[in-house]
Amino acid sequence: MPDSSISKFFEKSRTERLDVIKNFANLSEDDIKSLELPDGGITFDKADKMVENAFGTFSLPLGVATNFKINNKDYLVPMVIEEPSVIAAASKAAKLARPKGGFTVTADESYSIGQIQVLDTDIDSAISKITENTQEILGDHL
């Protein structure tokens, strides 16, 4: 299991940091290339397809907080923020929490809806097939 307690991470070069993150999170070369792009990984063409009335993109620094152990698993926590001390403070707090086991969290069950879009087909046939396969589609979430 990777260890998020990375000594002097802030002193490493960008290339060294990306290498650590790549190895920690098992990222691909394409993932790393995306992180190295000068536009933050999103071109205007992509942004224009993601939201209505797009007219530009907005970049902020992407950093990572180290030392996080959450529910006995190590994490590097990505943060997009312009305040220089927040990532350092979060990393320091996580480092202080590590000797006592880090952080323990729980979450309420997630509630969401799903939608199925059916194109170019007989709607009655599609409804019938979806209804017949509801158990398989939803699995154990019924």
N, C-alpha and C. Protein backbone atom coordinates (compact mmCIF):
# COMPACT_ATOMS: atom_id res chain seq x y z
N MET A 1 0.86 -1.18 0.00
CA MET A 1 0.00 0.00 0.00
C MET A 1 0.90 1.23 0.00
N PRO A 2 0.60 2.23 -0.87
CA PRO A 2 1.42 3.43 -0.90
C PRO A 2 1.30 4.23 0.39
N ASP A 3 2.34 4.97 0.70
CA ASP A 3 2.40 5.77 1.92
C ASP A 3 2.33 7.24 1.53
N SER A 4 1.36 7.97 2.08
CA SER A 4 1.18 9.38 1.74
C SER A 4 2.08 10.30 2.55
N SER A 5 2.84 9.75 3.45
CA SER A 5 3.78 10.54 4.25
C SER A 5 5.07 10.67 3.45
N ILE A 6 5.19 11.77 2.71
CA ILE A 6 6.30 11.97 1.79
C ILE A 6 7.17 13.11 2.31
N SER A 7 8.33 12.76 2.78
CA SER A 7 9.22 13.74 3.39
C SER A 7 9.66 14.79 2.38
N LYS A 8 9.55 16.05 2.78
CA LYS A 8 10.03 17.20 2.00
C LYS A 8 9.47 17.24 0.58
N PHE A 9 8.21 16.86 0.45
CA PHE A 9 7.54 16.88 -0.86
C PHE A 9 7.62 18.27 -1.48
N PHE A 10 7.47 19.30 -0.65
CA PHE A 10 7.49 20.68 -1.13
C PHE A 10 8.82 21.09 -1.73
N GLU A 11 9.88 20.36 -1.40
CA GLU A 11 11.21 20.69 -1.93
C GLU A 11 11.49 20.00 -3.27
N LYS A 12 10.65 19.10 -3.67
CA LYS A 12 10.87 18.36 -4.92
C LYS A 12 10.52 19.23 -6.12
N SER A 13 11.13 18.94 -7.26
CA SER A 13 10.81 19.64 -8.51
C SER A 13 9.44 19.18 -9.00
N ARG A 14 8.89 19.90 -9.96
CA ARG A 14 7.60 19.51 -10.51
C ARG A 14 7.67 18.09 -11.08
N THR A 15 8.73 17.79 -11.79
CA THR A 15 8.88 16.45 -12.37
C THR A 15 8.92 15.39 -11.29
N GLU A 16 9.65 15.65 -10.22
CA GLU A 16 9.73 14.69 -9.11
C GLU A 16 8.38 14.53 -8.43
N ARG A 17 7.65 15.63 -8.26
CA ARG A 17 6.32 15.56 -7.64
C ARG A 17 5.37 14.73 -8.50
N LEU A 18 5.39 14.99 -9.81
CA LEU A 18 4.52 14.23 -10.71
C LEU A 18 4.87 12.74 -10.70
N ASP A 19 6.15 12.44 -10.58
CA ASP A 19 6.58 11.04 -10.52
C ASP A 19 6.04 10.37 -9.25
N VAL A 20 6.12 11.08 -8.13
CA VAL A 20 5.59 10.54 -6.87
C VAL A 20 4.09 10.30 -6.99
N ILE A 21 3.37 11.28 -7.51
CA ILE A 21 1.92 11.17 -7.66
C ILE A 21 1.56 10.06 -8.63
N LYS A 22 2.31 9.96 -9.73
CA LYS A 22 2.08 8.90 -10.71
C LYS A 22 2.20 7.53 -10.06
N ASN A 23 3.26 7.33 -9.30
CA ASN A 23 3.48 6.04 -8.65
C ASN A 23 2.46 5.78 -7.55
N PHE A 24 2.12 6.81 -6.77
CA PHE A 24 1.17 6.65 -5.67
C PHE A 24 -0.20 6.25 -6.19
N ALA A 25 -0.65 6.96 -7.24
CA ALA A 25 -2.02 6.77 -7.74
C ALA A 25 -2.09 5.86 -8.96
N ASN A 26 -0.94 5.29 -9.37
CA ASN A 26 -0.90 4.40 -10.52
C ASN A 26 -1.49 5.08 -11.77
N LEU A 27 -1.02 6.32 -12.04
CA LEU A 27 -1.49 7.08 -13.18
C LEU A 27 -0.78 6.64 -14.46
N SER A 28 -1.43 6.84 -15.57
CA SER A 28 -0.85 6.51 -16.87
C SER A 28 -0.01 7.69 -17.37
N GLU A 29 0.74 7.45 -18.42
CA GLU A 29 1.51 8.54 -19.05
C GLU A 29 0.57 9.62 -19.58
N ASP A 30 -0.60 9.21 -20.11
CA ASP A 30 -1.57 10.19 -20.60
C ASP A 30 -2.10 11.06 -19.46
N ASP A 31 -2.32 10.46 -18.28
CA ASP A 31 -2.75 11.23 -17.12
C ASP A 31 -1.71 12.30 -16.77
N ILE A 32 -0.45 11.90 -16.77
CA ILE A 32 0.63 12.83 -16.43
C ILE A 32 0.73 13.93 -17.49
N LYS A 33 0.62 13.57 -18.76
CA LYS A 33 0.66 14.58 -19.83
C LYS A 33 -0.45 15.60 -19.65
N SER A 34 -1.62 15.14 -19.24
CA SER A 34 -2.75 16.04 -19.01
C SER A 34 -2.44 17.01 -17.88
N LEU A 35 -1.79 16.52 -16.82
CA LEU A 35 -1.43 17.38 -15.69
C LEU A 35 -0.33 18.38 -16.06
N GLU A 36 0.45 18.08 -17.08
CA GLU A 36 1.54 18.95 -17.50
C GLU A 36 1.10 20.04 -18.48
N LEU A 37 -0.12 19.94 -19.00
CA LEU A 37 -0.58 20.91 -20.00
C LEU A 37 -0.64 22.31 -19.41
N PRO A 38 -0.26 23.31 -20.19
CA PRO A 38 -0.27 24.69 -19.67
C PRO A 38 -1.67 25.25 -19.45
N ASP A 39 -2.69 24.65 -20.07
CA ASP A 39 -4.05 25.16 -19.91
C ASP A 39 -4.82 24.45 -18.80
N GLY A 40 -4.12 23.70 -17.97
CA GLY A 40 -4.77 23.01 -16.87
C GLY A 40 -5.51 21.75 -17.29
N GLY A 41 -5.28 21.31 -18.52
CA GLY A 41 -5.89 20.07 -18.97
C GLY A 41 -7.24 20.24 -19.62
N ILE A 42 -7.73 21.48 -19.70
CA ILE A 42 -9.03 21.69 -20.34
C ILE A 42 -8.89 22.81 -21.37
N THR A 43 -9.11 22.44 -22.59
CA THR A 43 -9.08 23.42 -23.67
C THR A 43 -10.45 24.10 -23.74
N PHE A 44 -10.50 25.21 -24.45
CA PHE A 44 -11.79 25.87 -24.60
C PHE A 44 -12.79 24.97 -25.31
N ASP A 45 -12.33 24.21 -26.30
CA ASP A 45 -13.23 23.30 -27.02
C ASP A 45 -13.90 22.32 -26.05
N LYS A 46 -13.13 21.79 -25.10
CA LYS A 46 -13.71 20.87 -24.10
C LYS A 46 -14.67 21.63 -23.20
N ALA A 47 -14.25 22.81 -22.74
CA ALA A 47 -15.10 23.60 -21.84
C ALA A 47 -16.42 23.95 -22.51
N ASP A 48 -16.37 24.29 -23.80
CA ASP A 48 -17.56 24.68 -24.54
C ASP A 48 -18.56 23.54 -24.65
N LYS A 49 -18.08 22.31 -24.61
CA LYS A 49 -18.97 21.15 -24.67
C LYS A 49 -19.51 20.76 -23.28
N MET A 50 -18.88 21.30 -22.24
CA MET A 50 -19.26 20.92 -20.88
C MET A 50 -20.34 21.83 -20.28
N VAL A 51 -20.34 23.10 -20.67
CA VAL A 51 -21.30 24.05 -20.07
C VAL A 51 -21.93 24.91 -21.16
N GLU A 52 -23.06 25.47 -20.84
CA GLU A 52 -23.73 26.40 -21.74
C GLU A 52 -23.00 27.75 -21.74
N ASN A 53 -23.00 28.40 -22.86
CA ASN A 53 -22.52 29.78 -22.98
C ASN A 53 -21.07 29.97 -22.54
N ALA A 54 -20.23 28.98 -22.73
CA ALA A 54 -18.82 29.10 -22.34
C ALA A 54 -18.16 30.21 -23.14
N PHE A 55 -17.27 30.93 -22.48
CA PHE A 55 -16.49 31.95 -23.19
C PHE A 55 -15.02 31.92 -22.81
N GLY A 56 -14.63 30.98 -21.96
CA GLY A 56 -13.22 30.87 -21.58
C GLY A 56 -13.04 29.80 -20.54
N THR A 57 -11.84 29.68 -20.06
CA THR A 57 -11.53 28.77 -18.95
C THR A 57 -10.82 29.57 -17.88
N PHE A 58 -10.71 28.99 -16.71
CA PHE A 58 -10.14 29.67 -15.56
C PHE A 58 -9.18 28.72 -14.88
N SER A 59 -7.96 29.14 -14.68
CA SER A 59 -6.96 28.25 -14.09
C SER A 59 -6.60 28.69 -12.68
N LEU A 60 -6.42 27.70 -11.85
CA LEU A 60 -5.90 27.90 -10.49
C LEU A 60 -4.83 26.83 -10.26
N PRO A 61 -3.93 27.06 -9.32
CA PRO A 61 -2.91 26.05 -9.03
C PRO A 61 -3.53 24.75 -8.49
N LEU A 62 -2.97 23.64 -8.94
CA LEU A 62 -3.37 22.32 -8.46
C LEU A 62 -2.22 21.77 -7.63
N GLY A 63 -2.48 21.55 -6.36
CA GLY A 63 -1.46 21.00 -5.47
C GLY A 63 -1.98 19.75 -4.80
N VAL A 64 -1.17 19.19 -3.92
CA VAL A 64 -1.57 17.96 -3.24
C VAL A 64 -1.15 18.04 -1.78
N ALA A 65 -2.06 17.69 -0.89
CA ALA A 65 -1.76 17.60 0.53
C ALA A 65 -1.29 16.18 0.82
N THR A 66 -0.22 16.07 1.56
CA THR A 66 0.36 14.77 1.88
C THR A 66 -0.01 14.34 3.29
N ASN A 67 0.43 13.16 3.67
CA ASN A 67 0.32 12.63 5.04
C ASN A 67 -1.05 12.12 5.44
N PHE A 68 -2.03 12.11 4.55
CA PHE A 68 -3.38 11.74 4.96
C PHE A 68 -3.54 10.23 5.07
N LYS A 69 -4.01 9.81 6.23
CA LYS A 69 -4.43 8.44 6.48
C LYS A 69 -5.89 8.54 6.90
N ILE A 70 -6.75 7.95 6.08
CA ILE A 70 -8.19 8.02 6.32
C ILE A 70 -8.74 6.60 6.31
N ASN A 71 -9.37 6.22 7.41
CA ASN A 71 -9.87 4.85 7.56
C ASN A 71 -8.78 3.83 7.25
N ASN A 72 -7.59 4.08 7.79
CA ASN A 72 -6.42 3.19 7.66
C ASN A 72 -5.90 3.04 6.23
N LYS A 73 -6.22 3.99 5.37
CA LYS A 73 -5.70 3.97 4.00
C LYS A 73 -5.05 5.33 3.72
N ASP A 74 -3.89 5.29 3.06
CA ASP A 74 -3.18 6.53 2.75
C ASP A 74 -3.74 7.20 1.50
N TYR A 75 -3.79 8.53 1.55
CA TYR A 75 -4.28 9.33 0.43
C TYR A 75 -3.39 10.54 0.22
N LEU A 76 -3.23 10.92 -1.04
CA LEU A 76 -2.75 12.24 -1.40
C LEU A 76 -4.01 13.01 -1.78
N VAL A 77 -4.21 14.18 -1.18
CA VAL A 77 -5.46 14.90 -1.37
C VAL A 77 -5.24 16.09 -2.32
N PRO A 78 -5.77 16.00 -3.54
CA PRO A 78 -5.60 17.10 -4.48
C PRO A 78 -6.42 18.32 -4.04
N MET A 79 -5.84 19.50 -4.20
CA MET A 79 -6.53 20.73 -3.85
C MET A 79 -6.26 21.79 -4.92
N VAL A 80 -7.30 22.46 -5.33
CA VAL A 80 -7.17 23.60 -6.24
C VAL A 80 -7.48 24.83 -5.42
N ILE A 81 -6.46 25.66 -5.22
CA ILE A 81 -6.60 26.80 -4.32
C ILE A 81 -5.51 27.81 -4.61
N GLU A 82 -5.77 29.08 -4.35
CA GLU A 82 -4.77 30.10 -4.57
C GLU A 82 -4.12 30.58 -3.28
N GLU A 83 -4.53 30.08 -2.15
CA GLU A 83 -3.97 30.49 -0.87
C GLU A 83 -2.77 29.60 -0.54
N PRO A 84 -1.58 30.16 -0.42
CA PRO A 84 -0.37 29.34 -0.30
C PRO A 84 -0.27 28.50 0.98
N SER A 85 -0.92 28.87 2.04
CA SER A 85 -0.70 28.14 3.30
C SER A 85 -1.69 27.01 3.55
N VAL A 86 -2.76 26.91 2.78
CA VAL A 86 -3.80 25.92 3.06
C VAL A 86 -3.30 24.49 2.88
N ILE A 87 -2.62 24.22 1.77
CA ILE A 87 -2.12 22.87 1.52
C ILE A 87 -1.07 22.49 2.56
N ALA A 88 -0.19 23.44 2.90
CA ALA A 88 0.81 23.17 3.92
C ALA A 88 0.15 22.89 5.27
N ALA A 89 -0.87 23.66 5.62
CA ALA A 89 -1.56 23.46 6.91
C ALA A 89 -2.30 22.13 6.94
N ALA A 90 -2.94 21.76 5.83
CA ALA A 90 -3.65 20.48 5.78
C ALA A 90 -2.67 19.33 5.90
N SER A 91 -1.54 19.43 5.21
CA SER A 91 -0.51 18.38 5.28
C SER A 91 0.03 18.26 6.70
N LYS A 92 0.25 19.39 7.36
CA LYS A 92 0.76 19.40 8.74
C LYS A 92 -0.26 18.78 9.69
N ALA A 93 -1.52 19.15 9.53
CA ALA A 93 -2.56 18.58 10.40
C ALA A 93 -2.66 17.07 10.21
N ALA A 94 -2.58 16.61 8.97
CA ALA A 94 -2.63 15.18 8.70
C ALA A 94 -1.42 14.47 9.29
N LYS A 95 -0.27 15.13 9.24
CA LYS A 95 0.95 14.55 9.83
C LYS A 95 0.81 14.41 11.34
N LEU A 96 0.18 15.40 11.98
CA LEU A 96 -0.05 15.33 13.42
C LEU A 96 -1.05 14.24 13.78
N ALA A 97 -2.01 13.97 12.90
CA ALA A 97 -3.04 12.95 13.17
C ALA A 97 -2.54 11.53 12.92
N ARG A 98 -1.52 11.37 12.08
CA ARG A 98 -1.04 10.03 11.71
C ARG A 98 -0.66 9.14 12.90
N PRO A 99 0.10 9.65 13.88
CA PRO A 99 0.50 8.77 15.00
C PRO A 99 -0.67 8.17 15.77
N LYS A 100 -1.83 8.83 15.71
CA LYS A 100 -3.02 8.32 16.41
C LYS A 100 -3.96 7.58 15.46
N GLY A 101 -3.45 7.24 14.26
CA GLY A 101 -4.25 6.47 13.31
C GLY A 101 -4.86 7.30 12.20
N GLY A 102 -4.61 8.60 12.18
CA GLY A 102 -5.16 9.44 11.13
C GLY A 102 -6.61 9.79 11.39
N PHE A 103 -7.39 9.83 10.35
CA PHE A 103 -8.78 10.24 10.43
C PHE A 103 -9.69 9.05 10.19
N THR A 104 -10.82 9.03 10.89
CA THR A 104 -11.85 8.03 10.69
C THR A 104 -13.11 8.75 10.26
N VAL A 105 -13.67 8.31 9.15
CA VAL A 105 -14.86 8.98 8.62
C VAL A 105 -15.94 7.96 8.29
N THR A 106 -17.16 8.43 8.29
CA THR A 106 -18.30 7.64 7.83
C THR A 106 -19.13 8.57 6.95
N ALA A 107 -19.95 7.98 6.13
CA ALA A 107 -20.83 8.77 5.26
C ALA A 107 -22.18 8.11 5.20
N ASP A 108 -23.20 8.94 5.11
CA ASP A 108 -24.54 8.42 4.92
C ASP A 108 -24.64 7.77 3.55
N GLU A 109 -25.61 6.90 3.41
CA GLU A 109 -25.82 6.24 2.14
C GLU A 109 -26.10 7.29 1.06
N SER A 110 -25.59 7.04 -0.11
CA SER A 110 -25.79 7.95 -1.24
C SER A 110 -27.15 7.68 -1.87
N TYR A 111 -27.85 8.74 -2.15
CA TYR A 111 -29.14 8.62 -2.81
C TYR A 111 -29.06 9.38 -4.13
N SER A 112 -29.33 8.70 -5.20
CA SER A 112 -29.32 9.37 -6.50
C SER A 112 -30.29 8.66 -7.43
N ILE A 113 -30.59 9.35 -8.50
CA ILE A 113 -31.48 8.75 -9.50
C ILE A 113 -30.66 8.43 -10.73
N GLY A 114 -31.17 7.56 -11.54
CA GLY A 114 -30.52 7.25 -12.81
C GLY A 114 -31.50 7.47 -13.94
N GLN A 115 -30.95 7.74 -15.09
CA GLN A 115 -31.78 7.93 -16.27
C GLN A 115 -31.21 7.10 -17.40
N ILE A 116 -32.09 6.61 -18.24
CA ILE A 116 -31.66 5.86 -19.41
C ILE A 116 -32.21 6.58 -20.63
N GLN A 117 -31.33 6.91 -21.57
CA GLN A 117 -31.76 7.54 -22.82
C GLN A 117 -31.74 6.47 -23.91
N VAL A 118 -32.86 6.30 -24.57
CA VAL A 118 -32.98 5.30 -25.62
C VAL A 118 -33.24 6.03 -26.93
N LEU A 119 -32.36 5.81 -27.90
CA LEU A 119 -32.47 6.49 -29.19
C LEU A 119 -32.68 5.48 -30.32
N ASP A 120 -33.39 5.90 -31.32
CA ASP A 120 -33.55 5.13 -32.55
C ASP A 120 -34.00 3.69 -32.31
N THR A 121 -35.04 3.52 -31.52
CA THR A 121 -35.56 2.18 -31.25
C THR A 121 -37.05 2.26 -30.99
N ASP A 122 -37.69 1.13 -31.00
CA ASP A 122 -39.11 1.05 -30.66
C ASP A 122 -39.24 1.24 -29.16
N ILE A 123 -39.91 2.30 -28.74
CA ILE A 123 -39.99 2.66 -27.33
C ILE A 123 -40.66 1.57 -26.50
N ASP A 124 -41.70 0.95 -27.00
CA ASP A 124 -42.39 -0.11 -26.25
C ASP A 124 -41.45 -1.29 -26.00
N SER A 125 -40.66 -1.64 -27.01
CA SER A 125 -39.70 -2.74 -26.87
C SER A 125 -38.62 -2.36 -25.85
N ALA A 126 -38.16 -1.13 -25.91
CA ALA A 126 -37.12 -0.68 -24.98
C ALA A 126 -37.63 -0.71 -23.54
N ILE A 127 -38.84 -0.20 -23.32
CA ILE A 127 -39.42 -0.20 -21.97
C ILE A 127 -39.55 -1.63 -21.46
N SER A 128 -40.01 -2.52 -22.31
CA SER A 128 -40.17 -3.92 -21.92
C SER A 128 -38.84 -4.54 -21.51
N LYS A 129 -37.80 -4.31 -22.32
CA LYS A 129 -36.48 -4.88 -22.01
C LYS A 129 -35.90 -4.29 -20.73
N ILE A 130 -36.07 -2.99 -20.53
CA ILE A 130 -35.57 -2.36 -19.30
C ILE A 130 -36.29 -2.91 -18.09
N THR A 131 -37.62 -3.04 -18.20
CA THR A 131 -38.42 -3.57 -17.10
C THR A 131 -38.02 -5.01 -16.77
N GLU A 132 -37.83 -5.83 -17.80
CA GLU A 132 -37.45 -7.22 -17.60
C GLU A 132 -36.06 -7.35 -16.94
N ASN A 133 -35.20 -6.39 -17.18
CA ASN A 133 -33.82 -6.47 -16.69
C ASN A 133 -33.52 -5.51 -15.55
N THR A 134 -34.56 -5.02 -14.90
CA THR A 134 -34.37 -4.06 -13.81
C THR A 134 -33.45 -4.61 -12.72
N GLN A 135 -33.65 -5.85 -12.34
CA GLN A 135 -32.83 -6.45 -11.28
C GLN A 135 -31.35 -6.44 -11.68
N GLU A 136 -31.06 -6.82 -12.90
CA GLU A 136 -29.67 -6.85 -13.38
C GLU A 136 -29.10 -5.43 -13.48
N ILE A 137 -29.90 -4.48 -13.95
CA ILE A 137 -29.44 -3.10 -14.11
C ILE A 137 -29.11 -2.49 -12.74
N LEU A 138 -29.98 -2.69 -11.78
CA LEU A 138 -29.81 -2.06 -10.46
C LEU A 138 -28.97 -2.92 -9.52
N GLY A 139 -28.78 -4.17 -9.84
CA GLY A 139 -28.00 -5.04 -8.96
C GLY A 139 -28.61 -5.12 -7.59
N ASP A 140 -27.76 -4.91 -6.56
CA ASP A 140 -28.24 -5.00 -5.18
C ASP A 140 -28.73 -3.66 -4.65
N HIS A 141 -28.99 -2.70 -5.54
CA HIS A 141 -29.44 -1.37 -5.10
C HIS A 141 -30.94 -1.22 -5.11
N LEU A 142 -31.66 -2.31 -5.29
CA LEU A 142 -33.13 -2.26 -5.26
C LEU A 142 -33.65 -2.10 -3.87
